[in-house]
Amino acid sequence: MIVSHHTAPDVDTLLSSEQGYYPLLSYFNVQSFMQHVVFQLVLATILLIIAVSISTP
């Protein structure tokens, strides 16, 4: 999977400049960031399903 610079150029520069990563490592940093976002979405979805199942009689 190749991260396009046309879709998110600001994310690459923000991550590489703030945390001091070389441009070569920004790709891996974006990958881990995306995995973190996906994990948060899955966790929120599971909690939402649990909350709905508890609230319904």
Protein backbone atom coordinates (compact mmCIF):
# COMPACT_ATOMS: atom_id res chain seq x y z
CA MET A 1 0.00 0.00 0.00
CA ILE A 2 1.43 3.33 -1.05
CA VAL A 3 0.44 6.47 0.82
CA SER A 4 -0.37 9.14 -1.74
CA HIS A 5 1.04 12.58 -1.08
CA HIS A 6 -1.89 14.11 -2.96
CA THR A 7 -4.42 12.99 -0.36
CA ALA A 8 -2.53 13.80 2.85
CA PRO A 9 0.64 15.86 2.40
CA ASP A 10 0.06 17.71 5.66
CA VAL A 11 -0.06 14.51 7.70
CA ASP A 12 3.37 13.40 6.47
CA THR A 13 5.00 16.76 7.17
CA LEU A 14 3.29 17.08 10.56
CA LEU A 15 4.38 13.64 11.74
CA SER A 16 7.92 13.92 10.38
CA SER A 17 8.51 17.45 11.68
CA GLU A 18 6.93 17.11 15.11
CA GLN A 19 8.42 13.78 16.10
CA GLY A 20 11.71 14.21 14.24
CA TYR A 21 11.37 11.26 11.90
CA TYR A 22 13.25 11.12 8.63
CA PRO A 23 11.03 11.26 5.51
CA LEU A 24 11.86 7.59 4.92
CA LEU A 25 10.24 6.63 8.24
CA SER A 26 7.15 8.81 7.79
CA TYR A 27 5.57 6.02 5.70
CA PHE A 28 5.79 3.57 8.60
CA ASN A 29 4.57 6.24 11.00
CA VAL A 30 1.50 6.84 8.83
CA GLN A 31 0.91 3.08 8.70
CA SER A 32 0.93 2.77 12.50
CA PHE A 33 -1.25 5.87 12.77
CA MET A 34 -3.82 4.34 10.40
CA GLN A 35 -3.77 1.08 12.38
CA HIS A 36 -4.40 3.08 15.55
CA VAL A 37 -7.36 4.88 13.94
CA VAL A 38 -8.84 1.61 12.67
CA PHE A 39 -8.44 0.07 16.14
CA GLN A 40 -10.24 3.01 17.72
CA LEU A 41 -13.10 2.73 15.22
CA VAL A 42 -13.48 -1.00 15.87
CA LEU A 43 -13.40 -0.45 19.63
CA ALA A 44 -16.02 2.32 19.41
CA THR A 45 -18.24 0.12 17.24
CA ILE A 46 -18.05 -2.79 19.69
CA LEU A 47 -18.85 -0.53 22.63
CA LEU A 48 -21.78 0.96 20.70
CA ILE A 49 -23.18 -2.49 19.94
CA ILE A 50 -22.84 -3.51 23.60
CA ALA A 51 -24.54 -0.32 24.78
CA VAL A 52 -27.45 -0.79 22.38
CA SER A 53 -27.90 -4.44 23.32
CA ILE A 54 -27.96 -3.55 27.02
CA SER A 55 -30.39 -0.64 26.63
CA THR A 56 -32.93 -2.61 24.59
CA PRO A 57 -35.25 -4.79 26.70
